[in-house]
Amino acid sequence: MAPFYNSPMQASDPVTFDDVARAHERIGGQARRTPALTSATVDALTGAGVFFKCENFQRMGAFKFRGAYNALSQLSADEQRRGVVAFSSGNHAQAVALAGKLLGVPRTIVMPADAPRVKVEATRGYGAEIVLYEKNQDREELARRISSERGLTLIPPFDHPHVIAGQGTAAKELIEDAGPRDLLLGYEPFARSPSVTSAICGWDKSPTPRQFGQSKLPAPCWSWISCRTPLKQPFTSGWSWEPARCRN
């Protein structure tokens, strides 16, 4: 049986700030340090000072590259030789495909048959083998079967500490570049996404922030907010936040 991301850390292990810091060093030669930009219009709308971490400028266009590269770079030599398999509708697919190309790791990507053509072609362009599945198929089950049959390591898009720690480096950079703030907000289209969890760990050692948040509204990047006054409605509709917690 091929491993489901076999490593000294397991999916249930908590991610610490030190894990994020080590991931930041590990990916430093490959991931871009994307800019933290501001908008006077957004500041006026929110009544706050907002910094956007623009991961749309990241390699392959998303923060997912950080987690994929951190994960693949920690595989054993034998695991890298045999290759990996991942399942994704687009961003994780491209991230694993590009990370594998840079590290010389063979990669097979399970994608939906109706995935945007531009994402399928981008993933294939990075040299990955594409396996398409239909709506009545379970993508994770298919990926596990391929992993078992071919001896490939399965790289999940979330729920593994090496992937999570890599994603958290975006929050770490944002905190370093924008300085102390009050609220860290990430766009969370799926509840199981690791990015807010990563952000908590990334900012836990920052001097002043007390809250993290997630938004159900589309946004291409992290937001790091200094709340001079309570955030204005309706800008905050669809947001939720709570006190940050992270194990050190």
C-alpha atoms as a PDB file:
ATOM      1  CA  MET A   1       0.000   0.000   0.000  1.00  0.00           C
ATOM      2  CA  ALA A   2       1.409   3.359  -1.010  1.00  0.00           C
ATOM      3  CA  PRO A   3       1.480   6.004   1.711  1.00  0.00           C
ATOM      4  CA  PHE A   4      -1.057   8.761   2.233  1.00  0.00           C
ATOM      5  CA  TYR A   5       1.664  11.328   2.550  1.00  0.00           C
ATOM      6  CA  ASN A   6       3.931   9.193   4.719  1.00  0.00           C
ATOM      7  CA  SER A   7       6.046  11.439   6.918  1.00  0.00           C
ATOM      8  CA  PRO A   8       7.177  11.844  10.554  1.00  0.00           C
ATOM      9  CA  MET A   9       4.241  14.236  11.005  1.00  0.00           C
ATOM     10  CA  GLN A  10       0.695  12.993  10.560  1.00  0.00           C
ATOM     11  CA  ALA A  11      -2.465  14.798   9.473  1.00  0.00           C
ATOM     12  CA  SER A  12      -3.696  15.101  13.067  1.00  0.00           C
ATOM     13  CA  ASP A  13      -0.507  16.794  14.313  1.00  0.00           C
ATOM     14  CA  PRO A  14      -0.918  20.487  15.143  1.00  0.00           C
ATOM     15  CA  VAL A  15       1.098  23.001  13.155  1.00  0.00           C
ATOM     16  CA  THR A  16       3.236  25.418  15.154  1.00  0.00           C
ATOM     17  CA  PHE A  17       4.792  28.756  14.319  1.00  0.00           C
ATOM     18  CA  ASP A  18       8.176  27.021  14.131  1.00  0.00           C
ATOM     19  CA  ASP A  19       6.770  24.657  11.471  1.00  0.00           C
ATOM     20  CA  VAL A  20       5.701  27.677   9.416  1.00  0.00           C
ATOM     21  CA  ALA A  21       9.074  29.367   9.935  1.00  0.00           C
ATOM     22  CA  ARG A  22      10.965  26.265   8.773  1.00  0.00           C
ATOM     23  CA  ALA A  23       8.653  25.955   5.765  1.00  0.00           C
ATOM     24  CA  HIS A  24       9.403  29.582   4.928  1.00  0.00           C
ATOM     25  CA  GLU A  25      13.124  28.824   4.839  1.00  0.00           C
ATOM     26  CA  ARG A  26      12.536  25.666   2.801  1.00  0.00           C
ATOM     27  CA  ILE A  27      10.508  27.307   0.037  1.00  0.00           C
ATOM     28  CA  GLY A  28      12.431  30.583   0.037  1.00  0.00           C
ATOM     29  CA  GLY A  29      14.410  29.849  -3.086  1.00  0.00           C
ATOM     30  CA  GLN A  30      11.304  29.000  -5.125  1.00  0.00           C
ATOM     31  CA  ALA A  31       8.209  30.805  -3.821  1.00  0.00           C
ATOM     32  CA  ARG A  32       7.828  34.498  -4.523  1.00  0.00           C
ATOM     33  CA  ARG A  33       7.500  36.981  -1.700  1.00  0.00           C
ATOM     34  CA  THR A  34       4.337  38.591  -2.995  1.00  0.00           C
ATOM     35  CA  PRO A  35       3.519  42.230  -2.216  1.00  0.00           C
ATOM     36  CA  ALA A  36       1.254  43.560   0.513  1.00  0.00           C
ATOM     37  CA  LEU A  37      -0.767  46.331  -1.140  1.00  0.00           C
ATOM     38  CA  THR A  38      -3.258  48.907   0.146  1.00  0.00           C
ATOM     39  CA  SER A  39      -6.319  50.652  -1.250  1.00  0.00           C
ATOM     40  CA  ALA A  40      -7.590  54.046  -0.143  1.00  0.00           C
ATOM     41  CA  THR A  41     -11.046  53.068  -1.427  1.00  0.00           C
ATOM     42  CA  VAL A  42     -11.169  49.913   0.692  1.00  0.00           C
ATOM     43  CA  ASP A  43      -9.887  51.796   3.748  1.00  0.00           C
ATOM     44  CA  ALA A  44     -12.715  54.317   3.315  1.00  0.00           C
ATOM     45  CA  LEU A  45     -15.311  51.574   2.876  1.00  0.00           C
ATOM     46  CA  THR A  46     -14.183  49.665   5.971  1.00  0.00           C
ATOM     47  CA  GLY A  47     -13.087  52.445   8.276  1.00  0.00           C
ATOM     48  CA  ALA A  48      -9.845  50.516   8.723  1.00  0.00           C
ATOM     49  CA  GLY A  49      -6.325  50.233   7.372  1.00  0.00           C
ATOM     50  CA  VAL A  50      -6.272  47.145   5.146  1.00  0.00           C
ATOM     51  CA  PHE A  51      -3.239  45.363   3.665  1.00  0.00           C
ATOM     52  CA  PHE A  52      -3.810  42.776   0.910  1.00  0.00           C
ATOM     53  CA  LYS A  53      -1.377  39.872   0.506  1.00  0.00           C
ATOM     54  CA  CYS A  54      -1.522  39.450  -3.253  1.00  0.00           C
ATOM     55  CA  GLU A  55      -0.934  35.744  -3.785  1.00  0.00           C
ATOM     56  CA  ASN A  56      -2.367  36.084  -7.281  1.00  0.00           C
ATOM     57  CA  PHE A  57       1.229  37.135  -8.087  1.00  0.00           C
ATOM     58  CA  GLN A  58       2.573  33.834  -6.735  1.00  0.00           C
ATOM     59  CA  ARG A  59       4.028  31.193  -9.053  1.00  0.00           C
ATOM     60  CA  MET A  60       1.140  29.424 -10.854  1.00  0.00           C
ATOM     61  CA  GLY A  61      -1.102  32.198  -9.505  1.00  0.00           C
ATOM     62  CA  ALA A  62      -2.065  31.045  -6.008  1.00  0.00           C
ATOM     63  CA  PHE A  63      -0.760  30.460  -2.479  1.00  0.00           C
ATOM     64  CA  LYS A  64      -1.173  26.710  -3.077  1.00  0.00           C
ATOM     65  CA  PHE A  65       2.352  26.592  -4.522  1.00  0.00           C
ATOM     66  CA  ARG A  66       3.744  27.225  -1.049  1.00  0.00           C
ATOM     67  CA  GLY A  67       2.163  24.142   0.492  1.00  0.00           C
ATOM     68  CA  ALA A  68       2.833  21.875  -2.471  1.00  0.00           C
ATOM     69  CA  TYR A  69       6.525  22.750  -2.669  1.00  0.00           C
ATOM     70  CA  ASN A  70       6.982  22.419   1.094  1.00  0.00           C
ATOM     71  CA  ALA A  71       5.332  18.990   1.037  1.00  0.00           C
ATOM     72  CA  LEU A  72       7.133  17.542  -1.988  1.00  0.00           C
ATOM     73  CA  SER A  73      10.520  18.812  -0.847  1.00  0.00           C
ATOM     74  CA  GLN A  74      10.211  16.731   2.341  1.00  0.00           C
ATOM     75  CA  LEU A  75       9.546  13.413   0.631  1.00  0.00           C
ATOM     76  CA  SER A  76      12.241  10.777   0.919  1.00  0.00           C
ATOM     77  CA  ALA A  77      14.496  10.134  -2.060  1.00  0.00           C
ATOM     78  CA  ASP A  78      12.590   6.919  -2.806  1.00  0.00           C
ATOM     79  CA  GLU A  79       9.209   8.661  -2.590  1.00  0.00           C
ATOM     80  CA  GLN A  80      10.418  11.401  -4.920  1.00  0.00           C
ATOM     81  CA  ARG A  81      11.718   8.802  -7.372  1.00  0.00           C
ATOM     82  CA  ARG A  82       8.395   6.909  -7.440  1.00  0.00           C
ATOM     83  CA  GLY A  83       6.307  10.053  -7.727  1.00  0.00           C
ATOM     84  CA  VAL A  84       3.132  11.549  -6.296  1.00  0.00           C
ATOM     85  CA  VAL A  85      -0.569  11.726  -7.024  1.00  0.00           C
ATOM     86  CA  ALA A  86      -2.926  14.561  -6.090  1.00  0.00           C
ATOM     87  CA  PHE A  87      -6.579  15.444  -6.648  1.00  0.00           C
ATOM     88  CA  SER A  88      -7.769  18.969  -7.374  1.00  0.00           C
ATOM     89  CA  SER A  89     -10.060  21.068  -9.509  1.00  0.00           C
ATOM     90  CA  GLY A  90      -7.269  23.451 -10.394  1.00  0.00           C
ATOM     91  CA  ASN A  91      -4.967  25.355  -8.035  1.00  0.00           C
ATOM     92  CA  HIS A  92      -3.555  22.434  -6.021  1.00  0.00           C
ATOM     93  CA  ALA A  93      -3.237  20.518  -9.294  1.00  0.00           C
ATOM     94  CA  GLN A  94      -1.095  23.244 -10.839  1.00  0.00           C
ATOM     95  CA  ALA A  95       0.858  23.718  -7.611  1.00  0.00           C
ATOM     96  CA  VAL A  96       1.818  20.037  -7.314  1.00  0.00           C
ATOM     97  CA  ALA A  97       2.571  19.862 -11.036  1.00  0.00           C
ATOM     98  CA  LEU A  98       4.928  22.856 -10.878  1.00  0.00           C
ATOM     99  CA  ALA A  99       6.555  21.842  -7.578  1.00  0.00           C
ATOM    100  CA  GLY A 100       7.167  18.356  -8.959  1.00  0.00           C
ATOM    101  CA  LYS A 101       8.701  19.778 -12.128  1.00  0.00           C
ATOM    102  CA  LEU A 102      11.115  21.903 -10.103  1.00  0.00           C
ATOM    103  CA  LEU A 103      12.062  18.977  -7.847  1.00  0.00           C
ATOM    104  CA  GLY A 104      12.158  16.308 -10.551  1.00  0.00           C
ATOM    105  CA  VAL A 105       9.266  14.346  -9.046  1.00  0.00           C
ATOM    106  CA  PRO A 106       6.860  12.481 -11.388  1.00  0.00           C
ATOM    107  CA  ARG A 107       3.255  13.562 -10.702  1.00  0.00           C
ATOM    108  CA  THR A 108      -0.189  12.330 -11.617  1.00  0.00           C
ATOM    109  CA  ILE A 109      -3.105  14.694 -11.068  1.00  0.00           C
ATOM    110  CA  VAL A 110      -6.744  13.617 -10.747  1.00  0.00           C
ATOM    111  CA  MET A 111      -9.000  16.389 -12.098  1.00  0.00           C
ATOM    112  CA  PRO A 112     -12.725  16.646 -12.906  1.00  0.00           C
ATOM    113  CA  ALA A 113     -13.670  16.170 -16.541  1.00  0.00           C
ATOM    114  CA  ASP A 114     -15.413  19.565 -16.482  1.00  0.00           C
ATOM    115  CA  ALA A 115     -12.496  21.446 -14.890  1.00  0.00           C
ATOM    116  CA  PRO A 116     -11.698  24.762 -16.604  1.00  0.00           C
ATOM    117  CA  ARG A 117      -9.664  23.980 -19.686  1.00  0.00           C
ATOM    118  CA  VAL A 118      -7.113  26.650 -18.855  1.00  0.00           C
ATOM    119  CA  LYS A 119      -6.338  24.921 -15.542  1.00  0.00           C
ATOM    120  CA  VAL A 120      -6.126  21.466 -17.103  1.00  0.00           C
ATOM    121  CA  GLU A 121      -3.790  22.748 -19.802  1.00  0.00           C
ATOM    122  CA  ALA A 122      -1.669  24.650 -17.290  1.00  0.00           C
ATOM    123  CA  THR A 123      -1.310  21.497 -15.173  1.00  0.00           C
ATOM    124  CA  ARG A 124      -0.397  19.453 -18.235  1.00  0.00           C
ATOM    125  CA  GLY A 125       1.974  22.210 -19.337  1.00  0.00           C
ATOM    126  CA  TYR A 126       3.958  21.730 -16.119  1.00  0.00           C
ATOM    127  CA  GLY A 127       4.507  18.127 -17.224  1.00  0.00           C
ATOM    128  CA  ALA A 128       1.958  16.296 -15.075  1.00  0.00           C
ATOM    129  CA  GLU A 129      -0.087  13.300 -16.207  1.00  0.00           C
ATOM    130  CA  ILE A 130      -3.805  14.155 -16.042  1.00  0.00           C
ATOM    131  CA  VAL A 131      -6.435  11.591 -15.043  1.00  0.00           C
ATOM    132  CA  LEU A 132      -9.971  12.925 -15.524  1.00  0.00           C
ATOM    133  CA  TYR A 133     -12.968  11.745 -13.497  1.00  0.00           C
ATOM    134  CA  GLU A 134     -16.712  12.130 -13.940  1.00  0.00           C
ATOM    135  CA  LYS A 135     -19.190  13.657 -11.500  1.00  0.00           C
ATOM    136  CA  ASN A 136     -20.373  10.251 -10.318  1.00  0.00           C
ATOM    137  CA  GLN A 137     -16.839   9.278  -9.264  1.00  0.00           C
ATOM    138  CA  ASP A 138     -15.154   9.941  -5.920  1.00  0.00           C
ATOM    139  CA  ARG A 139     -11.939  11.811  -6.696  1.00  0.00           C
ATOM    140  CA  GLU A 140     -10.220  10.944  -3.424  1.00  0.00           C
ATOM    141  CA  GLU A 141     -11.063   7.263  -3.797  1.00  0.00           C
ATOM    142  CA  LEU A 142      -9.716   7.315  -7.366  1.00  0.00           C
ATOM    143  CA  ALA A 143      -6.511   9.030  -6.237  1.00  0.00           C
ATOM    144  CA  ARG A 144      -6.048   6.507  -3.434  1.00  0.00           C
ATOM    145  CA  ARG A 145      -6.469   3.648  -5.891  1.00  0.00           C
ATOM    146  CA  ILE A 146      -3.873   5.140  -8.240  1.00  0.00           C
ATOM    147  CA  SER A 147      -1.578   5.678  -5.266  1.00  0.00           C
ATOM    148  CA  SER A 148      -1.914   2.027  -4.240  1.00  0.00           C
ATOM    149  CA  GLU A 149      -1.598   0.555  -7.727  1.00  0.00           C
ATOM    150  CA  ARG A 150       1.410   2.643  -8.788  1.00  0.00           C
ATOM    151  CA  GLY A 151       3.177   3.086  -5.467  1.00  0.00           C
ATOM    152  CA  LEU A 152       2.754   6.864  -5.525  1.00  0.00           C
ATOM    153  CA  THR A 153       2.567   9.141  -2.490  1.00  0.00           C
ATOM    154  CA  LEU A 154      -0.788  10.890  -2.207  1.00  0.00           C
ATOM    155  CA  ILE A 155      -0.461  14.632  -1.580  1.00  0.00           C
ATOM    156  CA  PRO A 156      -3.742  16.037  -0.190  1.00  0.00           C
ATOM    157  CA  PRO A 157      -4.783  19.621  -0.925  1.00  0.00           C
ATOM    158  CA  PHE A 158      -5.371  20.200   2.810  1.00  0.00           C
ATOM    159  CA  ASP A 159      -5.286  18.410   6.179  1.00  0.00           C
ATOM    160  CA  HIS A 160      -1.584  17.624   6.250  1.00  0.00           C
ATOM    161  CA  PRO A 161       0.876  19.622   8.375  1.00  0.00           C
ATOM    162  CA  HIS A 162       3.501  20.069   5.645  1.00  0.00           C
ATOM    163  CA  VAL A 163       0.901  21.456   3.249  1.00  0.00           C
ATOM    164  CA  ILE A 164      -0.612  23.623   5.993  1.00  0.00           C
ATOM    165  CA  ALA A 165       2.756  24.973   7.146  1.00  0.00           C
ATOM    166  CA  GLY A 166       3.640  25.928   3.593  1.00  0.00           C
ATOM    167  CA  GLN A 167       0.382  27.822   3.124  1.00  0.00           C
ATOM    168  CA  GLY A 168       0.965  29.630   6.420  1.00  0.00           C
ATOM    169  CA  THR A 169       4.099  31.276   5.079  1.00  0.00           C
ATOM    170  CA  ALA A 170       1.884  33.741   3.193  1.00  0.00           C
ATOM    171  CA  ALA A 171       0.449  34.979   6.486  1.00  0.00           C
ATOM    172  CA  LYS A 172       3.916  35.102   8.037  1.00  0.00           C
ATOM    173  CA  GLU A 173       5.175  37.356   5.232  1.00  0.00           C
ATOM    174  CA  LEU A 174       2.131  39.590   5.441  1.00  0.00           C
ATOM    175  CA  ILE A 175       2.640  40.120   9.157  1.00  0.00           C
ATOM    176  CA  GLU A 176       6.332  40.879   8.656  1.00  0.00           C
ATOM    177  CA  ASP A 177       5.681  43.351   5.831  1.00  0.00           C
ATOM    178  CA  ALA A 178       2.586  45.135   7.180  1.00  0.00           C
ATOM    179  CA  GLY A 179       3.467  45.160  10.864  1.00  0.00           C
ATOM    180  CA  PRO A 180       1.132  44.631  13.863  1.00  0.00           C
ATOM    181  CA  ARG A 181      -2.580  44.643  13.045  1.00  0.00           C
ATOM    182  CA  ASP A 182      -5.824  43.612  14.688  1.00  0.00           C
ATOM    183  CA  LEU A 183      -7.485  41.139  12.341  1.00  0.00           C
ATOM    184  CA  LEU A 184      -6.266  38.626   9.767  1.00  0.00           C
ATOM    185  CA  LEU A 185      -8.884  37.679   7.198  1.00  0.00           C
ATOM    186  CA  GLY A 186      -8.671  34.937   4.611  1.00  0.00           C
ATOM    187  CA  TYR A 187     -11.129  33.968   1.885  1.00  0.00           C
ATOM    188  CA  GLU A 188     -12.492  30.541   2.804  1.00  0.00           C
ATOM    189  CA  PRO A 189     -14.712  28.940   0.135  1.00  0.00           C
ATOM    190  CA  PHE A 190     -14.357  25.575   1.849  1.00  0.00           C
ATOM    191  CA  ALA A 191     -14.508  24.964   5.591  1.00  0.00           C
ATOM    192  CA  ARG A 192     -11.666  22.448   5.544  1.00  0.00           C
ATOM    193  CA  SER A 193      -9.160  24.769   3.879  1.00  0.00           C
ATOM    194  CA  PRO A 194      -5.962  25.005   5.958  1.00  0.00           C
ATOM    195  CA  SER A 195      -5.229  28.650   5.274  1.00  0.00           C
ATOM    196  CA  VAL A 196      -6.829  30.226   8.350  1.00  0.00           C
ATOM    197  CA  THR A 197      -5.325  27.518  10.581  1.00  0.00           C
ATOM    198  CA  SER A 198      -1.946  28.290   9.044  1.00  0.00           C
ATOM    199  CA  ALA A 199      -2.449  32.010   9.541  1.00  0.00           C
ATOM    200  CA  ILE A 200      -3.083  31.593  13.262  1.00  0.00           C
ATOM    201  CA  CYS A 201       0.236  29.835  13.630  1.00  0.00           C
ATOM    202  CA  GLY A 202       1.970  32.334  11.382  1.00  0.00           C
ATOM    203  CA  TRP A 203       0.847  35.302  13.389  1.00  0.00           C
ATOM    204  CA  ASP A 204       0.871  33.832  16.924  1.00  0.00           C
ATOM    205  CA  LYS A 205       4.188  35.522  17.747  1.00  0.00           C
ATOM    206  CA  SER A 206       3.163  38.880  16.314  1.00  0.00           C
ATOM    207  CA  PRO A 207       2.978  41.536  19.060  1.00  0.00           C
ATOM    208  CA  THR A 208      -0.664  42.635  18.995  1.00  0.00           C
ATOM    209  CA  PRO A 209      -3.196  40.781  16.813  1.00  0.00           C
ATOM    210  CA  ARG A 210      -6.051  39.076  18.616  1.00  0.00           C
ATOM    211  CA  GLN A 211      -8.402  37.805  15.918  1.00  0.00           C
ATOM    212  CA  PHE A 212      -8.437  35.816  12.720  1.00  0.00           C
ATOM    213  CA  GLY A 213     -11.319  35.603  10.315  1.00  0.00           C
ATOM    214  CA  GLN A 214     -12.680  33.896   7.264  1.00  0.00           C
ATOM    215  CA  SER A 215     -14.815  35.326   4.520  1.00  0.00           C
ATOM    216  CA  LYS A 216     -17.318  33.553   2.299  1.00  0.00           C
ATOM    217  CA  LEU A 217     -16.986  36.410  -0.185  1.00  0.00           C
ATOM    218  CA  PRO A 218     -14.629  36.007  -3.169  1.00  0.00           C
ATOM    219  CA  ALA A 219     -11.245  37.664  -2.680  1.00  0.00           C
ATOM    220  CA  PRO A 220      -7.893  36.865  -4.311  1.00  0.00           C
ATOM    221  CA  CYS A 221      -5.695  37.413  -1.285  1.00  0.00           C
ATOM    222  CA  TRP A 222      -5.213  37.691   2.460  1.00  0.00           C
ATOM    223  CA  SER A 223      -6.332  40.853   4.261  1.00  0.00           C
ATOM    224  CA  TRP A 224      -4.432  42.205   7.276  1.00  0.00           C
ATOM    225  CA  ILE A 225      -6.504  44.873   8.962  1.00  0.00           C
ATOM    226  CA  SER A 226      -5.892  47.620  11.489  1.00  0.00           C
ATOM    227  CA  CYS A 227      -9.277  48.418  12.997  1.00  0.00           C
ATOM    228  CA  ARG A 228      -9.216  52.087  13.884  1.00  0.00           C
ATOM    229  CA  THR A 229     -13.001  51.891  14.279  1.00  0.00           C
ATOM    230  CA  PRO A 230     -15.466  48.963  14.146  1.00  0.00           C
ATOM    231  CA  LEU A 231     -15.533  47.628  10.595  1.00  0.00           C
ATOM    232  CA  LYS A 232     -18.397  49.079   8.612  1.00  0.00           C
ATOM    233  CA  GLN A 233     -21.417  47.134   7.349  1.00  0.00           C
ATOM    234  CA  PRO A 234     -22.263  45.865   4.793  1.00  0.00           C
ATOM    235  CA  PHE A 235     -18.570  45.337   3.965  1.00  0.00           C
ATOM    236  CA  THR A 236     -18.313  42.701   6.707  1.00  0.00           C
ATOM    237  CA  SER A 237     -21.335  40.676   5.577  1.00  0.00           C
ATOM    238  CA  GLY A 238     -20.282  37.056   5.232  1.00  0.00           C
ATOM    239  CA  TRP A 239     -17.248  37.471   7.518  1.00  0.00           C
ATOM    240  CA  SER A 240     -16.699  35.623  10.782  1.00  0.00           C
ATOM    241  CA  TRP A 241     -13.812  35.818  13.229  1.00  0.00           C
ATOM    242  CA  GLU A 242     -12.740  34.602  16.651  1.00  0.00           C
ATOM    243  CA  PRO A 243      -9.709  34.760  18.981  1.00  0.00           C
ATOM    244  CA  ALA A 244      -6.542  33.280  17.507  1.00  0.00           C
ATOM    245  CA  ARG A 245      -5.079  30.127  19.062  1.00  0.00           C
ATOM    246  CA  CYS A 246      -1.916  28.220  18.223  1.00  0.00           C
ATOM    247  CA  ARG A 247       0.252  25.682  20.016  1.00  0.00           C
ATOM    248  CA  ASN A 248       3.872  26.805  20.470  1.00  0.00           C
END
